Amino acid sequence: MRAVNEDMLVNDAWKLYQYVCQHFIGTVSPDCKYLRNKVQAGRKLVPTALGISLIRGYQCIDLDFCLTNIRSFIEQQITLVAKGQVDHSRVVEHVLQQFKQKFIYFVKQISFLQQ
């Protein structure tokens, strides 16, 4: 964590930062932890029939799209951006290009699901 000024945050991020600081929310909140593939506090995620059908279709067309590899890569890149090791605009450009290619491929392949 580090202190920031208004010039470093955009839109409502500065207001949120001020609110957290003024009300000491960070000092009374438990440490933030990322728990991979776990559901916290008894919450259950129950997929709908439509959700299951969509995932099965996505898996038939592009299995990689359903796995965590893409999200993991993006999260790694965001960490590097935060550390100042990678340029933000290059990461955004790369990710947008990656998803554009996946979209084009997906559109070409979706007709196979309709058979």
PDB file of N, CA and C in Angstrom:
ATOM      1  N   MET A   1       0.840  -1.172   0.000  1.00  0.00           N
ATOM      2  CA  MET A   1       0.000   0.000   0.000  1.00  0.00           C
ATOM      3  C   MET A   1       0.884   1.234   0.000  1.00  0.00           C
ATOM      4  N   ARG A   2       0.362   2.303  -0.582  1.00  0.00           N
ATOM      5  CA  ARG A   2       1.103   3.558  -0.585  1.00  0.00           C
ATOM      6  C   ARG A   2       0.125   4.717  -0.668  1.00  0.00           C
ATOM      7  N   ALA A   3       0.577   5.853  -0.248  1.00  0.00           N
ATOM      8  CA  ALA A   3      -0.258   7.052  -0.310  1.00  0.00           C
ATOM      9  C   ALA A   3      -0.350   7.524  -1.754  1.00  0.00           C
ATOM     10  N   VAL A   4      -1.468   8.119  -2.097  1.00  0.00           N
ATOM     11  CA  VAL A   4      -1.655   8.658  -3.439  1.00  0.00           C
ATOM     12  C   VAL A   4      -2.193  10.070  -3.341  1.00  0.00           C
ATOM     13  N   ASN A   5      -2.158  10.774  -4.472  1.00  0.00           N
ATOM     14  CA  ASN A   5      -2.795  12.086  -4.531  1.00  0.00           C
ATOM     15  C   ASN A   5      -3.884  12.048  -5.593  1.00  0.00           C
ATOM     16  N   GLU A   6      -4.665  13.079  -5.666  1.00  0.00           N
ATOM     17  CA  GLU A   6      -5.831  13.101  -6.547  1.00  0.00           C
ATOM     18  C   GLU A   6      -5.454  12.920  -8.015  1.00  0.00           C
ATOM     19  N   ASP A   7      -4.266  13.371  -8.405  1.00  0.00           N
ATOM     20  CA  ASP A   7      -3.831  13.250  -9.790  1.00  0.00           C
ATOM     21  C   ASP A   7      -3.567  11.805 -10.200  1.00  0.00           C
ATOM     22  N   MET A   8      -3.332  10.952  -9.224  1.00  0.00           N
ATOM     23  CA  MET A   8      -2.992   9.555  -9.519  1.00  0.00           C
ATOM     24  C   MET A   8      -4.221   8.672  -9.713  1.00  0.00           C
ATOM     25  N   LEU A   9      -5.395   9.152  -9.326  1.00  0.00           N
ATOM     26  CA  LEU A   9      -6.616   8.357  -9.417  1.00  0.00           C
ATOM     27  C   LEU A   9      -7.607   9.030 -10.350  1.00  0.00           C
ATOM     28  N   VAL A  10      -8.394   8.230 -11.028  1.00  0.00           N
ATOM     29  CA  VAL A  10      -9.348   8.781 -11.995  1.00  0.00           C
ATOM     30  C   VAL A  10     -10.782   8.548 -11.533  1.00  0.00           C
ATOM     31  N   ASN A  11     -11.659   9.376 -12.069  1.00  0.00           N
ATOM     32  CA  ASN A  11     -13.100   9.290 -11.817  1.00  0.00           C
ATOM     33  C   ASN A  11     -13.411   9.255 -10.321  1.00  0.00           C
ATOM     34  N   ASP A  12     -14.200   8.283  -9.904  1.00  0.00           N
ATOM     35  CA  ASP A  12     -14.617   8.215  -8.512  1.00  0.00           C
ATOM     36  C   ASP A  12     -13.605   7.508  -7.613  1.00  0.00           C
ATOM     37  N   ALA A  13     -12.506   7.055  -8.168  1.00  0.00           N
ATOM     38  CA  ALA A  13     -11.504   6.347  -7.365  1.00  0.00           C
ATOM     39  C   ALA A  13     -10.960   7.245  -6.250  1.00  0.00           C
ATOM     40  N   TRP A  14     -10.776   8.533  -6.532  1.00  0.00           N
ATOM     41  CA  TRP A  14     -10.262   9.456  -5.515  1.00  0.00           C
ATOM     42  C   TRP A  14     -11.259   9.596  -4.367  1.00  0.00           C
ATOM     43  N   LYS A  15     -12.549   9.697  -4.695  1.00  0.00           N
ATOM     44  CA  LYS A  15     -13.574   9.816  -3.659  1.00  0.00           C
ATOM     45  C   LYS A  15     -13.604   8.565  -2.782  1.00  0.00           C
ATOM     46  N   LEU A  16     -13.490   7.407  -3.418  1.00  0.00           N
ATOM     47  CA  LEU A  16     -13.470   6.151  -2.663  1.00  0.00           C
ATOM     48  C   LEU A  16     -12.241   6.093  -1.768  1.00  0.00           C
ATOM     49  N   TYR A  17     -11.092   6.479  -2.300  1.00  0.00           N
ATOM     50  CA  TYR A  17      -9.852   6.482  -1.521  1.00  0.00           C
ATOM     51  C   TYR A  17      -9.990   7.400  -0.304  1.00  0.00           C
ATOM     52  N   GLN A  18     -10.537   8.603  -0.507  1.00  0.00           N
ATOM     53  CA  GLN A  18     -10.725   9.533   0.611  1.00  0.00           C
ATOM     54  C   GLN A  18     -11.657   8.948   1.664  1.00  0.00           C
ATOM     55  N   TYR A  19     -12.741   8.326   1.207  1.00  0.00           N
ATOM     56  CA  TYR A  19     -13.705   7.740   2.143  1.00  0.00           C
ATOM     57  C   TYR A  19     -13.045   6.654   2.996  1.00  0.00           C
ATOM     58  N   VAL A  20     -12.306   5.774   2.346  1.00  0.00           N
ATOM     59  CA  VAL A  20     -11.622   4.694   3.073  1.00  0.00           C
ATOM     60  C   VAL A  20     -10.654   5.282   4.090  1.00  0.00           C
ATOM     61  N   CYS A  21      -9.899   6.288   3.685  1.00  0.00           N
ATOM     62  CA  CYS A  21      -8.920   6.902   4.589  1.00  0.00           C
ATOM     63  C   CYS A  21      -9.606   7.635   5.743  1.00  0.00           C
ATOM     64  N   GLN A  22     -10.625   8.405   5.445  1.00  0.00           N
ATOM     65  CA  GLN A  22     -11.292   9.214   6.466  1.00  0.00           C
ATOM     66  C   GLN A  22     -12.005   8.360   7.503  1.00  0.00           C
ATOM     67  N   HIS A  23     -12.488   7.225   7.095  1.00  0.00           N
ATOM     68  CA  HIS A  23     -13.263   6.388   8.009  1.00  0.00           C
ATOM     69  C   HIS A  23     -12.466   5.185   8.519  1.00  0.00           C
ATOM     70  N   PHE A  24     -11.184   5.173   8.220  1.00  0.00           N
ATOM     71  CA  PHE A  24     -10.281   4.132   8.702  1.00  0.00           C
ATOM     72  C   PHE A  24     -10.770   2.723   8.388  1.00  0.00           C
ATOM     73  N   ILE A  25     -11.437   2.566   7.250  1.00  0.00           N
ATOM     74  CA  ILE A  25     -11.986   1.257   6.887  1.00  0.00           C
ATOM     75  C   ILE A  25     -10.883   0.214   6.770  1.00  0.00           C
ATOM     76  N   GLY A  26      -9.757   0.625   6.229  1.00  0.00           N
ATOM     77  CA  GLY A  26      -8.649  -0.316   6.067  1.00  0.00           C
ATOM     78  C   GLY A  26      -8.137  -0.862   7.384  1.00  0.00           C
ATOM     79  N   THR A  27      -8.262  -0.102   8.462  1.00  0.00           N
ATOM     80  CA  THR A  27      -7.716  -0.560   9.745  1.00  0.00           C
ATOM     81  C   THR A  27      -8.643  -1.526  10.466  1.00  0.00           C
ATOM     82  N   VAL A  28      -9.923  -1.513  10.123  1.00  0.00           N
ATOM     83  CA  VAL A  28     -10.849  -2.418  10.797  1.00  0.00           C
ATOM     84  C   VAL A  28     -11.247  -3.608   9.923  1.00  0.00           C
ATOM     85  N   SER A  29     -10.804  -3.604   8.682  1.00  0.00           N
ATOM     86  CA  SER A  29     -11.119  -4.705   7.777  1.00  0.00           C
ATOM     87  C   SER A  29     -10.054  -5.784   7.903  1.00  0.00           C
ATOM     88  N   PRO A  30     -10.451  -7.032   7.754  1.00  0.00           N
ATOM     89  CA  PRO A  30      -9.434  -8.095   7.739  1.00  0.00           C
ATOM     90  C   PRO A  30      -8.563  -7.953   6.507  1.00  0.00           C
ATOM     91  N   ASP A  31      -7.372  -8.519   6.561  1.00  0.00           N
ATOM     92  CA  ASP A  31      -6.477  -8.467   5.416  1.00  0.00           C
ATOM     93  C   ASP A  31      -7.161  -9.092   4.203  1.00  0.00           C
ATOM     94  N   CYS A  32      -6.964  -8.479   3.059  1.00  0.00           N
ATOM     95  CA  CYS A  32      -7.535  -8.985   1.822  1.00  0.00           C
ATOM     96  C   CYS A  32      -6.693 -10.168   1.350  1.00  0.00           C
ATOM     97  N   LYS A  33      -7.344 -11.271   1.072  1.00  0.00           N
ATOM     98  CA  LYS A  33      -6.641 -12.466   0.607  1.00  0.00           C
ATOM     99  C   LYS A  33      -7.375 -13.028  -0.595  1.00  0.00           C
ATOM    100  N   TYR A  34      -6.618 -13.486  -1.544  1.00  0.00           N
ATOM    101  CA  TYR A  34      -7.191 -14.134  -2.717  1.00  0.00           C
ATOM    102  C   TYR A  34      -7.158 -15.631  -2.478  1.00  0.00           C
ATOM    103  N   LEU A  35      -8.312 -16.248  -2.466  1.00  0.00           N
ATOM    104  CA  LEU A  35      -8.408 -17.686  -2.277  1.00  0.00           C
ATOM    105  C   LEU A  35      -8.794 -18.310  -3.605  1.00  0.00           C
ATOM    106  N   ARG A  36      -7.901 -19.064  -4.162  1.00  0.00           N
ATOM    107  CA  ARG A  36      -8.130 -19.637  -5.478  1.00  0.00           C
ATOM    108  C   ARG A  36      -9.114 -20.803  -5.405  1.00  0.00           C
ATOM    109  N   ASN A  37     -10.110 -20.734  -6.249  1.00  0.00           N
ATOM    110  CA  ASN A  37     -11.103 -21.807  -6.385  1.00  0.00           C
ATOM    111  C   ASN A  37     -11.807 -22.165  -5.082  1.00  0.00           C
ATOM    112  N   LYS A  38     -12.024 -21.210  -4.212  1.00  0.00           N
ATOM    113  CA  LYS A  38     -12.755 -21.466  -2.977  1.00  0.00           C
ATOM    114  C   LYS A  38     -13.896 -20.475  -2.855  1.00  0.00           C
ATOM    115  N   VAL A  39     -14.969 -20.915  -2.252  1.00  0.00           N
ATOM    116  CA  VAL A  39     -16.106 -20.047  -1.999  1.00  0.00           C
ATOM    117  C   VAL A  39     -16.107 -19.752  -0.512  1.00  0.00           C
ATOM    118  N   GLN A  40     -16.222 -18.465  -0.146  1.00  0.00           N
ATOM    119  CA  GLN A  40     -16.139 -18.063   1.253  1.00  0.00           C
ATOM    120  C   GLN A  40     -17.522 -17.887   1.870  1.00  0.00           C
ATOM    121  N   ALA A  41     -17.566 -17.947   3.155  1.00  0.00           N
ATOM    122  CA  ALA A  41     -18.723 -17.595   3.989  1.00  0.00           C
ATOM    123  C   ALA A  41     -19.991 -18.355   3.605  1.00  0.00           C
ATOM    124  N   GLY A  42     -19.841 -19.599   3.220  1.00  0.00           N
ATOM    125  CA  GLY A  42     -20.998 -20.429   2.961  1.00  0.00           C
ATOM    126  C   GLY A  42     -21.767 -20.116   1.695  1.00  0.00           C
ATOM    127  N   ARG A  43     -21.261 -19.196   0.897  1.00  0.00           N
ATOM    128  CA  ARG A  43     -21.939 -18.879  -0.363  1.00  0.00           C
ATOM    129  C   ARG A  43     -21.793 -20.044  -1.325  1.00  0.00           C
ATOM    130  N   LYS A  44     -22.838 -20.313  -2.065  1.00  0.00           N
ATOM    131  CA  LYS A  44     -22.789 -21.376  -3.057  1.00  0.00           C
ATOM    132  C   LYS A  44     -23.123 -20.792  -4.415  1.00  0.00           C
ATOM    133  N   LEU A  45     -22.332 -21.159  -5.382  1.00  0.00           N
ATOM    134  CA  LEU A  45     -22.583 -20.746  -6.748  1.00  0.00           C
ATOM    135  C   LEU A  45     -23.221 -21.927  -7.460  1.00  0.00           C
ATOM    136  N   VAL A  46     -24.455 -21.773  -7.851  1.00  0.00           N
ATOM    137  CA  VAL A  46     -25.173 -22.841  -8.530  1.00  0.00           C
ATOM    138  C   VAL A  46     -25.422 -22.394  -9.963  1.00  0.00           C
ATOM    139  N   PRO A  47     -24.796 -23.069 -10.913  1.00  0.00           N
ATOM    140  CA  PRO A  47     -24.981 -22.660 -12.302  1.00  0.00           C
ATOM    141  C   PRO A  47     -26.389 -22.984 -12.779  1.00  0.00           C
ATOM    142  N   THR A  48     -26.901 -22.126 -13.640  1.00  0.00           N
ATOM    143  CA  THR A  48     -28.210 -22.370 -14.241  1.00  0.00           C
ATOM    144  C   THR A  48     -28.037 -23.331 -15.419  1.00  0.00           C
ATOM    145  N   ALA A  49     -29.129 -23.842 -15.915  1.00  0.00           N
ATOM    146  CA  ALA A  49     -29.076 -24.729 -17.085  1.00  0.00           C
ATOM    147  C   ALA A  49     -28.474 -23.990 -18.282  1.00  0.00           C
ATOM    148  N   LEU A  50     -28.843 -22.718 -18.434  1.00  0.00           N
ATOM    149  CA  LEU A  50     -28.282 -21.919 -19.526  1.00  0.00           C
ATOM    150  C   LEU A  50     -26.773 -21.772 -19.349  1.00  0.00           C
ATOM    151  N   GLY A  51     -26.337 -21.490 -18.128  1.00  0.00           N
ATOM    152  CA  GLY A  51     -24.910 -21.348 -17.857  1.00  0.00           C
ATOM    153  C   GLY A  51     -24.140 -22.610 -18.182  1.00  0.00           C
ATOM    154  N   ILE A  52     -24.686 -23.750 -17.798  1.00  0.00           N
ATOM    155  CA  ILE A  52     -24.034 -25.040 -18.081  1.00  0.00           C
ATOM    156  C   ILE A  52     -23.964 -25.269 -19.589  1.00  0.00           C
ATOM    157  N   SER A  53     -25.041 -24.968 -20.292  1.00  0.00           N
ATOM    158  CA  SER A  53     -25.055 -25.139 -21.748  1.00  0.00           C
ATOM    159  C   SER A  53     -24.033 -24.237 -22.425  1.00  0.00           C
ATOM    160  N   LEU A  54     -23.948 -22.994 -21.964  1.00  0.00           N
ATOM    161  CA  LEU A  54     -22.975 -22.065 -22.548  1.00  0.00           C
ATOM    162  C   LEU A  54     -21.548 -22.546 -22.332  1.00  0.00           C
ATOM    163  N   ILE A  55     -21.242 -22.975 -21.114  1.00  0.00           N
ATOM    164  CA  ILE A  55     -19.878 -23.449 -20.833  1.00  0.00           C
ATOM    165  C   ILE A  55     -19.541 -24.666 -21.675  1.00  0.00           C
ATOM    166  N   ARG A  56     -20.482 -25.582 -21.812  1.00  0.00           N
ATOM    167  CA  ARG A  56     -20.236 -26.766 -22.656  1.00  0.00           C
ATOM    168  C   ARG A  56     -19.973 -26.356 -24.099  1.00  0.00           C
ATOM    169  N   GLY A  57     -20.736 -25.391 -24.568  1.00  0.00           N
ATOM    170  CA  GLY A  57     -20.510 -24.892 -25.918  1.00  0.00           C
ATOM    171  C   GLY A  57     -19.156 -24.219 -26.053  1.00  0.00           C
ATOM    172  N   TYR A  58     -18.811 -23.378 -25.077  1.00  0.00           N
ATOM    173  CA  TYR A  58     -17.501 -22.713 -25.100  1.00  0.00           C
ATOM    174  C   TYR A  58     -16.382 -23.744 -25.093  1.00  0.00           C
ATOM    175  N   GLN A  59     -16.534 -24.793 -24.296  1.00  0.00           N
ATOM    176  CA  GLN A  59     -15.505 -25.830 -24.216  1.00  0.00           C
ATOM    177  C   GLN A  59     -15.327 -26.533 -25.552  1.00  0.00           C
ATOM    178  N   CYS A  60     -16.417 -26.742 -26.283  1.00  0.00           N
ATOM    179  CA  CYS A  60     -16.326 -27.380 -27.597  1.00  0.00           C
ATOM    180  C   CYS A  60     -15.591 -26.506 -28.602  1.00  0.00           C
ATOM    181  N   ILE A  61     -15.773 -25.218 -28.476  1.00  0.00           N
ATOM    182  CA  ILE A  61     -15.167 -24.290 -29.436  1.00  0.00           C
ATOM    183  C   ILE A  61     -13.747 -23.916 -29.035  1.00  0.00           C
ATOM    184  N   ASP A  62     -13.545 -23.564 -27.771  1.00  0.00           N
ATOM    185  CA  ASP A  62     -12.229 -23.068 -27.331  1.00  0.00           C
ATOM    186  C   ASP A  62     -12.067 -23.371 -25.841  1.00  0.00           C
ATOM    187  N   LEU A  63     -11.498 -24.516 -25.533  1.00  0.00           N
ATOM    188  CA  LEU A  63     -11.345 -24.946 -24.149  1.00  0.00           C
ATOM    189  C   LEU A  63     -10.556 -23.918 -23.329  1.00  0.00           C
ATOM    190  N   ASP A  64      -9.545 -23.313 -23.943  1.00  0.00           N
ATOM    191  CA  ASP A  64      -8.710 -22.342 -23.241  1.00  0.00           C
ATOM    192  C   ASP A  64      -9.539 -21.171 -22.716  1.00  0.00           C
ATOM    193  N   PHE A  65     -10.607 -20.842 -23.422  1.00  0.00           N
ATOM    194  CA  PHE A  65     -11.476 -19.736 -23.025  1.00  0.00           C
ATOM    195  C   PHE A  65     -12.163 -20.002 -21.691  1.00  0.00           C
ATOM    196  N   CYS A  66     -12.355 -21.269 -21.350  1.00  0.00           N
ATOM    197  CA  CYS A  66     -13.054 -21.644 -20.119  1.00  0.00           C
ATOM    198  C   CYS A  66     -12.109 -21.842 -18.936  1.00  0.00           C
ATOM    199  N   LEU A  67     -10.840 -21.932 -19.200  1.00  0.00           N
ATOM    200  CA  LEU A  67      -9.866 -22.148 -18.138  1.00  0.00           C
ATOM    201  C   LEU A  67      -9.398 -20.823 -17.559  1.00  0.00           C
ATOM    202  N   THR A  68      -8.652 -20.891 -16.478  1.00  0.00           N
ATOM    203  CA  THR A  68      -8.199 -19.660 -15.803  1.00  0.00           C
ATOM    204  C   THR A  68      -6.919 -19.096 -16.389  1.00  0.00           C
ATOM    205  N   ASN A  69      -6.372 -19.711 -17.422  1.00  0.00           N
ATOM    206  CA  ASN A  69      -5.090 -19.260 -17.987  1.00  0.00           C
ATOM    207  C   ASN A  69      -5.128 -17.810 -18.446  1.00  0.00           C
ATOM    208  N   ILE A  70      -6.190 -17.446 -19.145  1.00  0.00           N
ATOM    209  CA  ILE A  70      -6.276 -16.086 -19.687  1.00  0.00           C
ATOM    210  C   ILE A  70      -6.359 -15.079 -18.547  1.00  0.00           C
ATOM    211  N   ARG A  71      -7.261 -15.332 -17.599  1.00  0.00           N
ATOM    212  CA  ARG A  71      -7.412 -14.410 -16.467  1.00  0.00           C
ATOM    213  C   ARG A  71      -6.121 -14.330 -15.667  1.00  0.00           C
ATOM    214  N   SER A  72      -5.467 -15.467 -15.470  1.00  0.00           N
ATOM    215  CA  SER A  72      -4.214 -15.494 -14.723  1.00  0.00           C
ATOM    216  C   SER A  72      -3.145 -14.645 -15.414  1.00  0.00           C
ATOM    217  N   PHE A  73      -3.044 -14.767 -16.738  1.00  0.00           N
ATOM    218  CA  PHE A  73      -2.072 -13.980 -17.491  1.00  0.00           C
ATOM    219  C   PHE A  73      -2.351 -12.490 -17.331  1.00  0.00           C
ATOM    220  N   ILE A  74      -3.633 -12.120 -17.453  1.00  0.00           N
ATOM    221  CA  ILE A  74      -4.001 -10.704 -17.329  1.00  0.00           C
ATOM    222  C   ILE A  74      -3.677 -10.192 -15.934  1.00  0.00           C
ATOM    223  N   GLU A  75      -3.967 -10.985 -14.901  1.00  0.00           N
ATOM    224  CA  GLU A  75      -3.663 -10.572 -13.529  1.00  0.00           C
ATOM    225  C   GLU A  75      -2.157 -10.398 -13.332  1.00  0.00           C
ATOM    226  N   GLN A  76      -1.350 -11.281 -13.937  1.00  0.00           N
ATOM    227  CA  GLN A  76       0.104 -11.136 -13.848  1.00  0.00           C
ATOM    228  C   GLN A  76       0.565  -9.844 -14.515  1.00  0.00           C
ATOM    229  N   GLN A  77      -0.026  -9.548 -15.675  1.00  0.00           N
ATOM    230  CA  GLN A  77       0.341  -8.323 -16.382  1.00  0.00           C
ATOM    231  C   GLN A  77      -0.062  -7.084 -15.589  1.00  0.00           C
ATOM    232  N   ILE A  78      -1.224  -7.125 -14.953  1.00  0.00           N
ATOM    233  CA  ILE A  78      -1.679  -5.990 -14.141  1.00  0.00           C
ATOM    234  C   ILE A  78      -0.724  -5.762 -12.979  1.00  0.00           C
ATOM    235  N   THR A  79      -0.249  -6.842 -12.385  1.00  0.00           N
ATOM    236  CA  THR A  79       0.725  -6.721 -11.296  1.00  0.00           C
ATOM    237  C   THR A  79       1.997  -6.047 -11.792  1.00  0.00           C
ATOM    238  N   LEU A  80       2.458  -6.430 -12.973  1.00  0.00           N
ATOM    239  CA  LEU A  80       3.662  -5.809 -13.538  1.00  0.00           C
ATOM    240  C   LEU A  80       3.430  -4.331 -13.852  1.00  0.00           C
ATOM    241  N   VAL A  81       2.231  -3.994 -14.309  1.00  0.00           N
ATOM    242  CA  VAL A  81       1.896  -2.588 -14.555  1.00  0.00           C
ATOM    243  C   VAL A  81       1.950  -1.824 -13.243  1.00  0.00           C
ATOM    244  N   ALA A  82       1.359  -2.390 -12.184  1.00  0.00           N
ATOM    245  CA  ALA A  82       1.338  -1.728 -10.875  1.00  0.00           C
ATOM    246  C   ALA A  82       2.745  -1.504 -10.344  1.00  0.00           C
ATOM    247  N   LYS A  83       3.654  -2.405 -10.665  1.00  0.00           N
ATOM    248  CA  LYS A  83       5.039  -2.274 -10.215  1.00  0.00           C
ATOM    249  C   LYS A  83       5.862  -1.365 -11.130  1.00  0.00           C
ATOM    250  N   GLY A  84       5.241  -0.912 -12.217  1.00  0.00           N
ATOM    251  CA  GLY A  84       5.945  -0.032 -13.149  1.00  0.00           C
ATOM    252  C   GLY A  84       6.886  -0.771 -14.073  1.00  0.00           C
ATOM    253  N   GLN A  85       6.729  -2.077 -14.190  1.00  0.00           N
ATOM    254  CA  GLN A  85       7.633  -2.886 -15.012  1.00  0.00           C
ATOM    255  C   GLN A  85       7.135  -3.084 -16.438  1.00  0.00           C
ATOM    256  N   VAL A  86       5.845  -2.824 -16.661  1.00  0.00           N
ATOM    257  CA  VAL A  86       5.246  -2.996 -17.984  1.00  0.00           C
ATOM    258  C   VAL A  86       4.347  -1.791 -18.247  1.00  0.00           C
ATOM    259  N   ASP A  87       4.301  -1.364 -19.503  1.00  0.00           N
ATOM    260  CA  ASP A  87       3.479  -0.222 -19.895  1.00  0.00           C
ATOM    261  C   ASP A  87       2.008  -0.626 -19.967  1.00  0.00           C
ATOM    262  N   HIS A  88       1.158   0.137 -19.301  1.00  0.00           N
ATOM    263  CA  HIS A  88      -0.283  -0.133 -19.245  1.00  0.00           C
ATOM    264  C   HIS A  88      -0.900  -0.247 -20.630  1.00  0.00           C
ATOM    265  N   SER A  89      -0.602   0.689 -21.513  1.00  0.00           N
ATOM    266  CA  SER A  89      -1.231   0.695 -22.836  1.00  0.00           C
ATOM    267  C   SER A  89      -0.842  -0.530 -23.652  1.00  0.00           C
ATOM    268  N   ARG A  90       0.374  -1.031 -23.479  1.00  0.00           N
ATOM    269  CA  ARG A  90       0.797  -2.239 -24.201  1.00  0.00           C
ATOM    270  C   ARG A  90       0.031  -3.456 -23.705  1.00  0.00           C
ATOM    271  N   VAL A  91      -0.223  -3.526 -22.404  1.00  0.00           N
ATOM    272  CA  VAL A  91      -0.988  -4.645 -21.847  1.00  0.00           C
ATOM    273  C   VAL A  91      -2.415  -4.596 -22.374  1.00  0.00           C
ATOM    274  N   VAL A  92      -3.028  -3.423 -22.330  1.00  0.00           N
ATOM    275  CA  VAL A  92      -4.404  -3.288 -22.816  1.00  0.00           C
ATOM    276  C   VAL A  92      -4.477  -3.663 -24.291  1.00  0.00           C
ATOM    277  N   GLU A  93      -3.545  -3.158 -25.079  1.00  0.00           N
ATOM    278  CA  GLU A  93      -3.526  -3.458 -26.517  1.00  0.00           C
ATOM    279  C   GLU A  93      -3.391  -4.963 -26.759  1.00  0.00           C
ATOM    280  N   HIS A  94      -2.498  -5.606 -26.037  1.00  0.00           N
ATOM    281  CA  HIS A  94      -2.276  -7.051 -26.199  1.00  0.00           C
ATOM    282  C   HIS A  94      -3.530  -7.843 -25.826  1.00  0.00           C
ATOM    283  N   VAL A  95      -4.138  -7.515 -24.695  1.00  0.00           N
ATOM    284  CA  VAL A  95      -5.314  -8.255 -24.227  1.00  0.00           C
ATOM    285  C   VAL A  95      -6.489  -8.041 -25.177  1.00  0.00           C
ATOM    286  N   LEU A  96      -6.693  -6.813 -25.634  1.00  0.00           N
ATOM    287  CA  LEU A  96      -7.778  -6.550 -26.581  1.00  0.00           C
ATOM    288  C   LEU A  96      -7.567  -7.325 -27.883  1.00  0.00           C
ATOM    289  N   GLN A  97      -6.342  -7.373 -28.348  1.00  0.00           N
ATOM    290  CA  GLN A  97      -6.035  -8.126 -29.568  1.00  0.00           C
ATOM    291  C   GLN A  97      -6.293  -9.617 -29.358  1.00  0.00           C
ATOM    292  N   GLN A  98      -5.906 -10.122 -28.204  1.00  0.00           N
ATOM    293  CA  GLN A  98      -6.116 -11.527 -27.879  1.00  0.00           C
ATOM    294  C   GLN A  98      -7.614 -11.866 -27.883  1.00  0.00           C
ATOM    295  N   PHE A  99      -8.426 -11.025 -27.237  1.00  0.00           N
ATOM    296  CA  PHE A  99      -9.860 -11.282 -27.198  1.00  0.00           C
ATOM    297  C   PHE A  99     -10.520 -11.069 -28.561  1.00  0.00           C
ATOM    298  N   LYS A 100     -10.003 -10.148 -29.353  1.00  0.00           N
ATOM    299  CA  LYS A 100     -10.536  -9.954 -30.701  1.00  0.00           C
ATOM    300  C   LYS A 100     -10.315 -11.211 -31.537  1.00  0.00           C
ATOM    301  N   GLN A 101      -9.119 -11.784 -31.455  1.00  0.00           N
ATOM    302  CA  GLN A 101      -8.826 -13.013 -32.183  1.00  0.00           C
ATOM    303  C   GLN A 101      -9.715 -14.160 -31.709  1.00  0.00           C
ATOM    304  N   LYS A 102      -9.912 -14.251 -30.393  1.00  0.00           N
ATOM    305  CA  LYS A 102     -10.778 -15.300 -29.854  1.00  0.00           C
ATOM    306  C   LYS A 102     -12.213 -15.111 -30.332  1.00  0.00           C
ATOM    307  N   PHE A 103     -12.676 -13.857 -30.367  1.00  0.00           N
ATOM    308  CA  PHE A 103     -14.036 -13.574 -30.819  1.00  0.00           C
ATOM    309  C   PHE A 103     -14.211 -13.984 -32.281  1.00  0.00           C
ATOM    310  N   ILE A 104     -13.264 -13.612 -33.135  1.00  0.00           N
ATOM    311  CA  ILE A 104     -13.338 -13.957 -34.562  1.00  0.00           C
ATOM    312  C   ILE A 104     -13.365 -15.471 -34.735  1.00  0.00           C
ATOM    313  N   TYR A 105     -12.490 -16.168 -34.018  1.00  0.00           N
ATOM    314  CA  TYR A 105     -12.448 -17.622 -34.090  1.00  0.00           C
ATOM    315  C   TYR A 105     -13.770 -18.214 -33.602  1.00  0.00           C
ATOM    316  N   PHE A 106     -14.276 -17.680 -32.501  1.00  0.00           N
ATOM    317  CA  PHE A 106     -15.520 -18.171 -31.907  1.00  0.00           C
ATOM    318  C   PHE A 106     -16.678 -18.023 -32.885  1.00  0.00           C
ATOM    319  N   VAL A 107     -16.787 -16.869 -33.525  1.00  0.00           N
ATOM    320  CA  VAL A 107     -17.871 -16.621 -34.482  1.00  0.00           C
ATOM    321  C   VAL A 107     -17.781 -17.610 -35.646  1.00  0.00           C
ATOM    322  N   LYS A 108     -16.566 -17.901 -36.110  1.00  0.00           N
ATOM    323  CA  LYS A 108     -16.399 -18.853 -37.210  1.00  0.00           C
ATOM    324  C   LYS A 108     -16.788 -20.267 -36.799  1.00  0.00           C
ATOM    325  N   GLN A 109     -16.562 -20.624 -35.544  1.00  0.00           N
ATOM    326  CA  GLN A 109     -16.789 -21.990 -35.080  1.00  0.00           C
ATOM    327  C   GLN A 109     -18.183 -22.243 -34.526  1.00  0.00           C
ATOM    328  N   ILE A 110     -18.934 -21.204 -34.213  1.00  0.00           N
ATOM    329  CA  ILE A 110     -20.212 -21.399 -33.516  1.00  0.00           C
ATOM    330  C   ILE A 110     -21.227 -22.166 -34.357  1.00  0.00           C
ATOM    331  N   SER A 111     -21.118 -22.099 -35.650  1.00  0.00           N
ATOM    332  CA  SER A 111     -22.072 -22.839 -36.501  1.00  0.00           C
ATOM    333  C   SER A 111     -21.979 -24.337 -36.265  1.00  0.00           C
ATOM    334  N   PHE A 112     -20.835 -24.836 -35.839  1.00  0.00           N
ATOM    335  CA  PHE A 112     -20.685 -26.264 -35.573  1.00  0.00           C
ATOM    336  C   PHE A 112     -21.537 -26.695 -34.370  1.00  0.00           C
ATOM    337  N   LEU A 113     -21.812 -25.788 -33.457  1.00  0.00           N
ATOM    338  CA  LEU A 113     -22.656 -26.123 -32.295  1.00  0.00           C
ATOM    339  C   LEU A 113     -24.120 -26.257 -32.698  1.00  0.00           C
ATOM    340  N   GLN A 114     -24.511 -25.589 -33.742  1.00  0.00           N
ATOM    341  CA  GLN A 114     -25.908 -25.592 -34.146  1.00  0.00           C
ATOM    342  C   GLN A 114     -26.291 -26.875 -34.880  1.00  0.00           C
ATOM    343  N   GLN A 115     -25.322 -27.712 -35.172  1.00  0.00           N
ATOM    344  CA  GLN A 115     -25.589 -28.957 -35.906  1.00  0.00           C
ATOM    345  C   GLN A 115     -25.949 -30.081 -34.954  1.00  0.00           C
TER     346      GLN A 115
END
